[in-house]
Amino acid sequence: MSILVVGSVALDTISTPMGRVKDALGGSATYFSLSARFFSPVSLVAVVGRDFPKSYLDIFKDKGINLEGLRVCEGKTFRWEGQYGWDFSDPQTIATHLNVFASFNPVLPPAYQNSEYVFLANIDPELQIKVLNQVFHPKLVACDTMNYWIENKPTHLLKLLKMVDIFLLNESEIRKLTSETAILKAAKKILALGPKIVVVKKGEHGILLFSGNNIFAAPAFLLDKIFDPTGAGDTFAGGFMGYLAKCKKINQLNLRKAAIYGSVMATFAVEDFSLRRLQNITIGDINKRIKEFKKFTAF
């Protein structure tokens, strides 16, 4: 089944101990789309400026991403510059230029309004709610957020949580939102707010998945090289939602498999800068890594 994703498409300038790239293809909707497309068709809603390179548009088109909802506006594309240290966590933001993204007003094309699977990437929760109000009968809705929205738009975020099935966030975010230090207690609080499933992204330490009275913990896949962790969380979400849309049936087994597929997709994203690695892998590469994941987690 097709997945609707609404989020950012950006140009990233990134420095890590492994090197530097300037104006590389990035954005939450970008990473999600190029991950999810391995499992299900993807329809994207985002905005870019007139300066957005045609070669980047061609990447979306070559991968079969539906761009009917991508607006090209007068002005410059959203740009972010960040720098990572050797721990590859919590990058230092050097510069953020929202440009055309500052006035992003997502309007769904008619063909998108019947989407059954919806992923609301990290944008203003008011906009996330606006998107949901344009979708007729979604079967499964997932959303992401960040500390900025937790601090500055808590009322809208709490309203949004009553409308979604799956909520993805990291350890810092779930603690800030719930004022709980224990992840288990924090997850129970989130589940009581509306979502049926909570996924806590722990970076190099894997993920935790909570649904009802069920808990699933998965480690991260061990890599021998890491170049750039930008977009890893959105890549995870793409694999996770893409697999669930492919399964159609949401049960504990498929949720756990989806979490593993999402984790594996994220490993490809960090193996090179931007989308370089992710856009060149095959389904065979994914299945091979899934087998390796099973091998080192079995006991």
C-alpha atoms as a PDB file:
ATOM      1  CA  MET A   1       0.000   0.000   0.000  1.00  0.00           C
ATOM      2  CA  SER A   2       1.163   3.551  -0.721  1.00  0.00           C
ATOM      3  CA  ILE A   3       2.565   5.692   2.098  1.00  0.00           C
ATOM      4  CA  LEU A   4       2.086   9.443   2.403  1.00  0.00           C
ATOM      5  CA  VAL A   5       5.022  11.289   3.975  1.00  0.00           C
ATOM      6  CA  VAL A   6       4.995  14.977   4.887  1.00  0.00           C
ATOM      7  CA  GLY A   7       8.213  16.621   6.014  1.00  0.00           C
ATOM      8  CA  SER A   8      11.306  18.480   4.910  1.00  0.00           C
ATOM      9  CA  VAL A   9      13.487  18.226   1.836  1.00  0.00           C
ATOM     10  CA  ALA A  10      16.705  20.091   2.490  1.00  0.00           C
ATOM     11  CA  LEU A  11      20.257  20.847   1.486  1.00  0.00           C
ATOM     12  CA  ASP A  12      22.669  19.813   4.246  1.00  0.00           C
ATOM     13  CA  THR A  13      26.232  20.856   4.932  1.00  0.00           C
ATOM     14  CA  ILE A  14      27.705  18.285   7.302  1.00  0.00           C
ATOM     15  CA  SER A  15      31.069  17.846   8.976  1.00  0.00           C
ATOM     16  CA  THR A  16      32.126  14.680  10.797  1.00  0.00           C
ATOM     17  CA  PRO A  17      35.530  13.247  11.716  1.00  0.00           C
ATOM     18  CA  MET A  18      35.255  11.361   8.398  1.00  0.00           C
ATOM     19  CA  GLY A  19      34.961  14.445   6.196  1.00  0.00           C
ATOM     20  CA  ARG A  20      32.621  17.169   5.001  1.00  0.00           C
ATOM     21  CA  VAL A  21      29.891  17.630   2.375  1.00  0.00           C
ATOM     22  CA  LYS A  22      28.232  20.855   1.238  1.00  0.00           C
ATOM     23  CA  ASP A  23      24.622  21.248   0.065  1.00  0.00           C
ATOM     24  CA  ALA A  24      24.032  17.488   0.103  1.00  0.00           C
ATOM     25  CA  LEU A  25      20.533  16.108  -0.330  1.00  0.00           C
ATOM     26  CA  GLY A  26      18.823  15.825   3.064  1.00  0.00           C
ATOM     27  CA  GLY A  27      15.610  16.388   4.991  1.00  0.00           C
ATOM     28  CA  SER A  28      13.338  14.133   7.021  1.00  0.00           C
ATOM     29  CA  ALA A  29      10.970  13.326   4.140  1.00  0.00           C
ATOM     30  CA  THR A  30      13.929  12.533   1.893  1.00  0.00           C
ATOM     31  CA  TYR A  31      15.481   9.914   4.152  1.00  0.00           C
ATOM     32  CA  PHE A  32      12.078   8.410   4.922  1.00  0.00           C
ATOM     33  CA  SER A  33      11.112   8.159   1.251  1.00  0.00           C
ATOM     34  CA  LEU A  34      14.304   6.538   0.018  1.00  0.00           C
ATOM     35  CA  SER A  35      14.029   3.965   2.792  1.00  0.00           C
ATOM     36  CA  ALA A  36      10.300   3.182   2.627  1.00  0.00           C
ATOM     37  CA  ARG A  37      10.264   2.842  -1.175  1.00  0.00           C
ATOM     38  CA  PHE A  38      11.930  -0.576  -0.931  1.00  0.00           C
ATOM     39  CA  PHE A  39       8.734  -1.932   0.622  1.00  0.00           C
ATOM     40  CA  SER A  40       5.846   0.256  -0.531  1.00  0.00           C
ATOM     41  CA  PRO A  41       5.136   3.109  -2.991  1.00  0.00           C
ATOM     42  CA  VAL A  42       5.735   6.555  -1.476  1.00  0.00           C
ATOM     43  CA  SER A  43       3.957   9.881  -2.075  1.00  0.00           C
ATOM     44  CA  LEU A  44       5.815  12.937  -0.787  1.00  0.00           C
ATOM     45  CA  VAL A  45       4.627  16.363   0.368  1.00  0.00           C
ATOM     46  CA  ALA A  46       7.326  18.988   0.905  1.00  0.00           C
ATOM     47  CA  VAL A  47       8.608  22.318  -0.405  1.00  0.00           C
ATOM     48  CA  VAL A  48      11.884  23.371  -2.047  1.00  0.00           C
ATOM     49  CA  GLY A  49      13.204  26.546  -3.627  1.00  0.00           C
ATOM     50  CA  ARG A  50      14.121  27.328  -7.213  1.00  0.00           C
ATOM     51  CA  ASP A  51      17.741  26.579  -6.338  1.00  0.00           C
ATOM     52  CA  PHE A  52      17.012  22.903  -5.642  1.00  0.00           C
ATOM     53  CA  PRO A  53      19.244  20.880  -8.003  1.00  0.00           C
ATOM     54  CA  LYS A  54      17.543  18.989 -10.809  1.00  0.00           C
ATOM     55  CA  SER A  55      19.917  16.083 -10.149  1.00  0.00           C
ATOM     56  CA  TYR A  56      18.340  15.681  -6.702  1.00  0.00           C
ATOM     57  CA  LEU A  57      14.844  15.722  -8.176  1.00  0.00           C
ATOM     58  CA  ASP A  58      16.005  13.005 -10.542  1.00  0.00           C
ATOM     59  CA  ILE A  59      17.006  10.831  -7.567  1.00  0.00           C
ATOM     60  CA  PHE A  60      13.421  10.903  -6.284  1.00  0.00           C
ATOM     61  CA  LYS A  61      12.034  10.205  -9.736  1.00  0.00           C
ATOM     62  CA  ASP A  62      14.482   7.381 -10.424  1.00  0.00           C
ATOM     63  CA  LYS A  63      13.430   5.704  -7.164  1.00  0.00           C
ATOM     64  CA  GLY A  64       9.738   5.930  -8.037  1.00  0.00           C
ATOM     65  CA  ILE A  65       8.792   8.544  -5.420  1.00  0.00           C
ATOM     66  CA  ASN A  66       5.543  10.338  -6.289  1.00  0.00           C
ATOM     67  CA  LEU A  67       6.385  14.065  -6.360  1.00  0.00           C
ATOM     68  CA  GLU A  68       2.937  15.450  -7.106  1.00  0.00           C
ATOM     69  CA  GLY A  69       2.927  16.987  -3.621  1.00  0.00           C
ATOM     70  CA  LEU A  70       6.389  18.593  -3.898  1.00  0.00           C
ATOM     71  CA  ARG A  71       6.058  22.358  -4.345  1.00  0.00           C
ATOM     72  CA  VAL A  72       8.839  24.385  -5.948  1.00  0.00           C
ATOM     73  CA  CYS A  73       8.570  27.978  -4.708  1.00  0.00           C
ATOM     74  CA  GLU A  74      10.355  31.244  -5.355  1.00  0.00           C
ATOM     75  CA  GLY A  75      13.243  31.534  -2.956  1.00  0.00           C
ATOM     76  CA  LYS A  76      15.894  29.235  -1.539  1.00  0.00           C
ATOM     77  CA  THR A  77      15.638  25.687  -0.229  1.00  0.00           C
ATOM     78  CA  PHE A  78      15.792  24.910   3.498  1.00  0.00           C
ATOM     79  CA  ARG A  79      19.444  24.557   4.519  1.00  0.00           C
ATOM     80  CA  TRP A  80      20.994  23.065   7.636  1.00  0.00           C
ATOM     81  CA  GLU A  81      24.662  22.929   8.635  1.00  0.00           C
ATOM     82  CA  GLY A  82      25.862  20.714  11.449  1.00  0.00           C
ATOM     83  CA  GLN A  83      29.028  19.261  12.899  1.00  0.00           C
ATOM     84  CA  TYR A  84      29.517  15.902  14.643  1.00  0.00           C
ATOM     85  CA  GLY A  85      32.244  14.879  17.062  1.00  0.00           C
ATOM     86  CA  TRP A  86      33.650  11.390  17.501  1.00  0.00           C
ATOM     87  CA  ASP A  87      30.637  10.219  19.503  1.00  0.00           C
ATOM     88  CA  PHE A  88      28.359  10.983  16.523  1.00  0.00           C
ATOM     89  CA  SER A  89      25.530  12.124  18.796  1.00  0.00           C
ATOM     90  CA  ASP A  90      23.838  15.496  19.311  1.00  0.00           C
ATOM     91  CA  PRO A  91      25.443  17.404  16.445  1.00  0.00           C
ATOM     92  CA  GLN A  92      26.334  21.044  16.904  1.00  0.00           C
ATOM     93  CA  THR A  93      24.119  23.167  14.692  1.00  0.00           C
ATOM     94  CA  ILE A  94      26.261  25.712  12.866  1.00  0.00           C
ATOM     95  CA  ALA A  95      23.477  27.338  10.866  1.00  0.00           C
ATOM     96  CA  THR A  96      19.795  26.884  10.032  1.00  0.00           C
ATOM     97  CA  HIS A  97      18.190  28.740   7.137  1.00  0.00           C
ATOM     98  CA  LEU A  98      14.519  27.800   6.831  1.00  0.00           C
ATOM     99  CA  ASN A  99      14.016  29.840   3.639  1.00  0.00           C
ATOM    100  CA  VAL A 100      10.885  28.574   1.789  1.00  0.00           C
ATOM    101  CA  PHE A 101      10.310  25.980   4.537  1.00  0.00           C
ATOM    102  CA  ALA A 102       9.448  28.821   6.937  1.00  0.00           C
ATOM    103  CA  SER A 103       6.115  29.301   5.156  1.00  0.00           C
ATOM    104  CA  PHE A 104       5.492  25.614   4.414  1.00  0.00           C
ATOM    105  CA  ASN A 105       1.733  25.036   4.209  1.00  0.00           C
ATOM    106  CA  PRO A 106       1.126  21.401   3.265  1.00  0.00           C
ATOM    107  CA  VAL A 107      -1.826  20.959   0.948  1.00  0.00           C
ATOM    108  CA  LEU A 108      -2.480  17.409  -0.203  1.00  0.00           C
ATOM    109  CA  PRO A 109      -3.218  16.711  -3.853  1.00  0.00           C
ATOM    110  CA  PRO A 110      -6.608  14.973  -4.231  1.00  0.00           C
ATOM    111  CA  ALA A 111      -4.902  11.688  -5.071  1.00  0.00           C
ATOM    112  CA  TYR A 112      -3.088  11.751  -1.719  1.00  0.00           C
ATOM    113  CA  GLN A 113      -6.207  12.245   0.389  1.00  0.00           C
ATOM    114  CA  ASN A 114      -7.115   8.552   0.306  1.00  0.00           C
ATOM    115  CA  SER A 115      -3.736   7.473   1.680  1.00  0.00           C
ATOM    116  CA  GLU A 116      -4.092   4.588   4.142  1.00  0.00           C
ATOM    117  CA  TYR A 117      -0.601   4.877   5.610  1.00  0.00           C
ATOM    118  CA  VAL A 118       0.643   8.279   6.765  1.00  0.00           C
ATOM    119  CA  PHE A 119       3.963   9.371   8.232  1.00  0.00           C
ATOM    120  CA  LEU A 120       4.203  12.863   9.675  1.00  0.00           C
ATOM    121  CA  ALA A 121       7.889  13.680   9.836  1.00  0.00           C
ATOM    122  CA  ASN A 122       9.332  16.241  12.234  1.00  0.00           C
ATOM    123  CA  ILE A 123       7.480  19.495  11.510  1.00  0.00           C
ATOM    124  CA  ASP A 124       5.283  21.853  13.542  1.00  0.00           C
ATOM    125  CA  PRO A 125       2.522  19.766  15.199  1.00  0.00           C
ATOM    126  CA  GLU A 126      -0.024  22.329  13.992  1.00  0.00           C
ATOM    127  CA  LEU A 127       0.954  21.426  10.431  1.00  0.00           C
ATOM    128  CA  GLN A 128       0.888  17.717  11.249  1.00  0.00           C
ATOM    129  CA  ILE A 129      -2.702  18.108  12.480  1.00  0.00           C
ATOM    130  CA  LYS A 130      -3.581  20.092   9.367  1.00  0.00           C
ATOM    131  CA  VAL A 131      -2.306  17.239   7.192  1.00  0.00           C
ATOM    132  CA  LEU A 132      -4.369  14.654   9.066  1.00  0.00           C
ATOM    133  CA  ASN A 133      -7.473  16.754   8.615  1.00  0.00           C
ATOM    134  CA  GLN A 134      -6.986  16.381   4.852  1.00  0.00           C
ATOM    135  CA  VAL A 135      -6.736  12.567   4.877  1.00  0.00           C
ATOM    136  CA  PHE A 136     -10.091  10.801   4.642  1.00  0.00           C
ATOM    137  CA  HIS A 137      -9.733   7.376   6.275  1.00  0.00           C
ATOM    138  CA  PRO A 138      -6.115   6.565   7.199  1.00  0.00           C
ATOM    139  CA  LYS A 139      -5.496   3.013   8.338  1.00  0.00           C
ATOM    140  CA  LEU A 140      -2.240   3.743  10.175  1.00  0.00           C
ATOM    141  CA  VAL A 141      -0.751   7.103  11.173  1.00  0.00           C
ATOM    142  CA  ALA A 142       2.725   7.609  12.623  1.00  0.00           C
ATOM    143  CA  CYS A 143       4.487  10.804  13.644  1.00  0.00           C
ATOM    144  CA  ASP A 144       7.861  12.048  14.775  1.00  0.00           C
ATOM    145  CA  THR A 145       8.754  15.153  16.776  1.00  0.00           C
ATOM    146  CA  MET A 146      11.666  16.979  18.406  1.00  0.00           C
ATOM    147  CA  ASN A 147      12.484  18.764  21.665  1.00  0.00           C
ATOM    148  CA  TYR A 148      11.733  22.167  20.124  1.00  0.00           C
ATOM    149  CA  TRP A 149       8.058  21.266  19.592  1.00  0.00           C
ATOM    150  CA  ILE A 150       7.814  19.618  23.010  1.00  0.00           C
ATOM    151  CA  GLU A 151       9.009  22.872  24.579  1.00  0.00           C
ATOM    152  CA  ASN A 152       7.182  25.364  22.361  1.00  0.00           C
ATOM    153  CA  LYS A 153       4.025  23.618  21.107  1.00  0.00           C
ATOM    154  CA  PRO A 154       3.072  21.146  23.887  1.00  0.00           C
ATOM    155  CA  THR A 155      -0.694  21.760  23.598  1.00  0.00           C
ATOM    156  CA  HIS A 156      -0.735  21.081  19.864  1.00  0.00           C
ATOM    157  CA  LEU A 157       1.556  18.073  20.267  1.00  0.00           C
ATOM    158  CA  LEU A 158      -0.729  16.514  22.883  1.00  0.00           C
ATOM    159  CA  LYS A 159      -3.717  17.103  20.595  1.00  0.00           C
ATOM    160  CA  LEU A 160      -1.832  15.402  17.764  1.00  0.00           C
ATOM    161  CA  LEU A 161      -1.049  12.350  19.907  1.00  0.00           C
ATOM    162  CA  LYS A 162      -4.768  11.641  20.242  1.00  0.00           C
ATOM    163  CA  MET A 163      -4.903  11.356  16.438  1.00  0.00           C
ATOM    164  CA  VAL A 164      -1.968   9.021  15.737  1.00  0.00           C
ATOM    165  CA  ASP A 165      -1.362   5.290  16.095  1.00  0.00           C
ATOM    166  CA  ILE A 166       2.444   5.290  16.328  1.00  0.00           C
ATOM    167  CA  PHE A 167       4.688   7.849  17.989  1.00  0.00           C
ATOM    168  CA  LEU A 168       8.443   7.781  17.329  1.00  0.00           C
ATOM    169  CA  LEU A 169      10.872   9.759  19.469  1.00  0.00           C
ATOM    170  CA  ASN A 170      14.298   9.466  21.073  1.00  0.00           C
ATOM    171  CA  GLU A 171      15.305   9.073  24.722  1.00  0.00           C
ATOM    172  CA  SER A 172      15.781  12.773  25.352  1.00  0.00           C
ATOM    173  CA  GLU A 173      12.416  13.612  23.815  1.00  0.00           C
ATOM    174  CA  ILE A 174      10.383  11.025  25.707  1.00  0.00           C
ATOM    175  CA  ARG A 175      11.928  12.092  28.999  1.00  0.00           C
ATOM    176  CA  LYS A 176      11.271  15.772  28.318  1.00  0.00           C
ATOM    177  CA  LEU A 177       7.680  15.155  27.242  1.00  0.00           C
ATOM    178  CA  THR A 178       6.773  12.989  30.234  1.00  0.00           C
ATOM    179  CA  SER A 179       9.162  14.318  32.912  1.00  0.00           C
ATOM    180  CA  GLU A 180      10.077  10.690  33.626  1.00  0.00           C
ATOM    181  CA  THR A 181      13.616   9.349  33.791  1.00  0.00           C
ATOM    182  CA  ALA A 182      12.651   5.676  33.376  1.00  0.00           C
ATOM    183  CA  ILE A 183      11.844   4.881  29.727  1.00  0.00           C
ATOM    184  CA  LEU A 184       9.303   2.193  30.677  1.00  0.00           C
ATOM    185  CA  LYS A 185       7.286   4.572  32.832  1.00  0.00           C
ATOM    186  CA  ALA A 186       7.611   7.319  30.215  1.00  0.00           C
ATOM    187  CA  ALA A 187       6.339   5.012  27.461  1.00  0.00           C
ATOM    188  CA  LYS A 188       3.303   4.038  29.539  1.00  0.00           C
ATOM    189  CA  LYS A 189       2.490   7.724  29.951  1.00  0.00           C
ATOM    190  CA  ILE A 190       2.696   8.262  26.176  1.00  0.00           C
ATOM    191  CA  LEU A 191       0.455   5.253  25.502  1.00  0.00           C
ATOM    192  CA  ALA A 192      -2.115   6.754  27.859  1.00  0.00           C
ATOM    193  CA  LEU A 193      -2.140   9.935  25.752  1.00  0.00           C
ATOM    194  CA  GLY A 194      -3.472   8.209  22.654  1.00  0.00           C
ATOM    195  CA  PRO A 195      -0.909   6.333  20.532  1.00  0.00           C
ATOM    196  CA  LYS A 196      -1.226   2.548  20.439  1.00  0.00           C
ATOM    197  CA  ILE A 197       2.503   2.083  19.778  1.00  0.00           C
ATOM    198  CA  VAL A 198       5.549   3.983  21.001  1.00  0.00           C
ATOM    199  CA  VAL A 199       8.970   3.537  19.422  1.00  0.00           C
ATOM    200  CA  VAL A 200      11.978   4.914  21.294  1.00  0.00           C
ATOM    201  CA  LYS A 201      15.037   5.401  19.096  1.00  0.00           C
ATOM    202  CA  LYS A 202      18.286   4.850  20.994  1.00  0.00           C
ATOM    203  CA  GLY A 203      20.774   5.433  18.174  1.00  0.00           C
ATOM    204  CA  GLU A 204      23.779   3.134  18.403  1.00  0.00           C
ATOM    205  CA  HIS A 205      22.027   1.298  21.263  1.00  0.00           C
ATOM    206  CA  GLY A 206      19.050   0.148  19.186  1.00  0.00           C
ATOM    207  CA  ILE A 207      15.324   0.669  19.730  1.00  0.00           C
ATOM    208  CA  LEU A 208      12.537  -0.036  22.212  1.00  0.00           C
ATOM    209  CA  LEU A 209       8.984  -0.735  21.063  1.00  0.00           C
ATOM    210  CA  PHE A 210       6.000  -0.511  23.404  1.00  0.00           C
ATOM    211  CA  SER A 211       2.424  -1.508  22.556  1.00  0.00           C
ATOM    212  CA  GLY A 212      -0.183  -2.347  25.169  1.00  0.00           C
ATOM    213  CA  ASN A 213       1.510  -4.730  27.591  1.00  0.00           C
ATOM    214  CA  ASN A 214       4.111  -5.796  25.013  1.00  0.00           C
ATOM    215  CA  ILE A 215       7.710  -4.643  25.008  1.00  0.00           C
ATOM    216  CA  PHE A 216      10.302  -5.388  22.328  1.00  0.00           C
ATOM    217  CA  ALA A 217      13.971  -4.419  22.535  1.00  0.00           C
ATOM    218  CA  ALA A 218      16.368  -4.686  19.611  1.00  0.00           C
ATOM    219  CA  PRO A 219      20.064  -3.782  19.513  1.00  0.00           C
ATOM    220  CA  ALA A 220      21.626  -1.736  16.768  1.00  0.00           C
ATOM    221  CA  PHE A 221      23.388  -3.597  13.962  1.00  0.00           C
ATOM    222  CA  LEU A 222      27.145  -3.387  14.470  1.00  0.00           C
ATOM    223  CA  LEU A 223      29.009  -1.624  11.654  1.00  0.00           C
ATOM    224  CA  ASP A 224      32.684  -1.384  10.828  1.00  0.00           C
ATOM    225  CA  LYS A 225      32.350   2.161   9.462  1.00  0.00           C
ATOM    226  CA  ILE A 226      30.187   5.179  10.261  1.00  0.00           C
ATOM    227  CA  PHE A 227      30.442   8.338   8.188  1.00  0.00           C
ATOM    228  CA  ASP A 228      27.341  10.411   8.892  1.00  0.00           C
ATOM    229  CA  PRO A 229      24.413   9.681  11.264  1.00  0.00           C
ATOM    230  CA  THR A 230      22.218  12.434   9.776  1.00  0.00           C
ATOM    231  CA  GLY A 231      18.800  11.089   8.850  1.00  0.00           C
ATOM    232  CA  ALA A 232      19.238   7.720  10.561  1.00  0.00           C
ATOM    233  CA  GLY A 233      16.031   8.133  12.567  1.00  0.00           C
ATOM    234  CA  ASP A 234      13.996   9.060   9.498  1.00  0.00           C
ATOM    235  CA  THR A 235      15.535   6.166   7.578  1.00  0.00           C
ATOM    236  CA  PHE A 236      14.496   3.853  10.422  1.00  0.00           C
ATOM    237  CA  ALA A 237      10.957   5.248  10.227  1.00  0.00           C
ATOM    238  CA  GLY A 238      10.895   4.632   6.480  1.00  0.00           C
ATOM    239  CA  GLY A 239      11.861   0.996   6.834  1.00  0.00           C
ATOM    240  CA  PHE A 240       9.508   0.531   9.770  1.00  0.00           C
ATOM    241  CA  MET A 241       6.448   2.072   8.113  1.00  0.00           C
ATOM    242  CA  GLY A 242       7.295   0.660   4.700  1.00  0.00           C
ATOM    243  CA  TYR A 243       7.388  -2.874   6.041  1.00  0.00           C
ATOM    244  CA  LEU A 244       4.113  -2.426   7.965  1.00  0.00           C
ATOM    245  CA  ALA A 245       2.375  -1.086   4.857  1.00  0.00           C
ATOM    246  CA  LYS A 246       3.644  -4.072   2.911  1.00  0.00           C
ATOM    247  CA  CYS A 247       2.341  -6.492   5.578  1.00  0.00           C
ATOM    248  CA  LYS A 248      -1.056  -4.741   5.760  1.00  0.00           C
ATOM    249  CA  LYS A 249      -1.820  -6.592   9.019  1.00  0.00           C
ATOM    250  CA  ILE A 250      -0.583  -4.929  12.212  1.00  0.00           C
ATOM    251  CA  ASN A 251       0.246  -7.515  14.875  1.00  0.00           C
ATOM    252  CA  GLN A 252       3.071  -8.111  17.328  1.00  0.00           C
ATOM    253  CA  LEU A 253       5.078 -10.280  14.953  1.00  0.00           C
ATOM    254  CA  ASN A 254       4.932  -7.751  12.122  1.00  0.00           C
ATOM    255  CA  LEU A 255       5.678  -4.846  14.451  1.00  0.00           C
ATOM    256  CA  ARG A 256       8.824  -6.583  15.643  1.00  0.00           C
ATOM    257  CA  LYS A 257       9.894  -7.467  12.117  1.00  0.00           C
ATOM    258  CA  ALA A 258       9.229  -3.883  11.033  1.00  0.00           C
ATOM    259  CA  ALA A 259      11.474  -2.621  13.841  1.00  0.00           C
ATOM    260  CA  ILE A 260      14.303  -4.837  12.614  1.00  0.00           C
ATOM    261  CA  TYR A 261      13.846  -3.779   9.010  1.00  0.00           C
ATOM    262  CA  GLY A 262      13.854  -0.147  10.123  1.00  0.00           C
ATOM    263  CA  SER A 263      17.039  -0.700  12.129  1.00  0.00           C
ATOM    264  CA  VAL A 264      18.741  -2.345   9.173  1.00  0.00           C
ATOM    265  CA  MET A 265      17.748   0.468   6.800  1.00  0.00           C
ATOM    266  CA  ALA A 266      19.245   3.012   9.204  1.00  0.00           C
ATOM    267  CA  THR A 267      22.588   1.219   9.083  1.00  0.00           C
ATOM    268  CA  PHE A 268      22.882   1.891   5.359  1.00  0.00           C
ATOM    269  CA  ALA A 269      22.191   5.596   5.847  1.00  0.00           C
ATOM    270  CA  VAL A 270      25.129   6.099   8.222  1.00  0.00           C
ATOM    271  CA  GLU A 271      27.678   4.281   6.074  1.00  0.00           C
ATOM    272  CA  ASP A 272      28.243   7.338   3.867  1.00  0.00           C
ATOM    273  CA  PHE A 273      27.360  11.007   3.696  1.00  0.00           C
ATOM    274  CA  SER A 274      23.840  12.079   2.755  1.00  0.00           C
ATOM    275  CA  LEU A 275      21.942   9.513   0.639  1.00  0.00           C
ATOM    276  CA  ARG A 276      25.008   8.145  -1.139  1.00  0.00           C
ATOM    277  CA  ARG A 277      24.820   4.667   0.321  1.00  0.00           C
ATOM    278  CA  LEU A 278      21.064   4.457   0.737  1.00  0.00           C
ATOM    279  CA  GLN A 279      20.313   5.289  -2.884  1.00  0.00           C
ATOM    280  CA  ASN A 280      22.632   2.595  -4.216  1.00  0.00           C
ATOM    281  CA  ILE A 281      21.631  -0.460  -2.197  1.00  0.00           C
ATOM    282  CA  THR A 282      19.416  -3.277  -3.459  1.00  0.00           C
ATOM    283  CA  ILE A 283      16.781  -5.438  -1.797  1.00  0.00           C
ATOM    284  CA  GLY A 284      19.418  -8.155  -1.862  1.00  0.00           C
ATOM    285  CA  ASP A 285      21.700  -6.007   0.325  1.00  0.00           C
ATOM    286  CA  ILE A 286      18.819  -5.496   2.762  1.00  0.00           C
ATOM    287  CA  ASN A 287      17.946  -9.188   2.989  1.00  0.00           C
ATOM    288  CA  LYS A 288      21.597 -10.111   3.492  1.00  0.00           C
ATOM    289  CA  ARG A 289      21.896  -7.730   6.412  1.00  0.00           C
ATOM    290  CA  ILE A 290      18.618  -8.991   7.890  1.00  0.00           C
ATOM    291  CA  LYS A 291      20.106 -12.517   7.927  1.00  0.00           C
ATOM    292  CA  GLU A 292      23.257 -11.217   9.622  1.00  0.00           C
ATOM    293  CA  PHE A 293      21.122  -9.381  12.189  1.00  0.00           C
ATOM    294  CA  LYS A 294      19.245 -12.587  13.003  1.00  0.00           C
ATOM    295  CA  LYS A 295      22.521 -14.466  13.378  1.00  0.00           C
ATOM    296  CA  PHE A 296      24.111 -12.174  15.950  1.00  0.00           C
ATOM    297  CA  THR A 297      20.915 -11.697  18.007  1.00  0.00           C
ATOM    298  CA  ALA A 298      20.018 -15.397  18.261  1.00  0.00           C
ATOM    299  CA  PHE A 299      20.734 -17.329  21.442  1.00  0.00           C
END
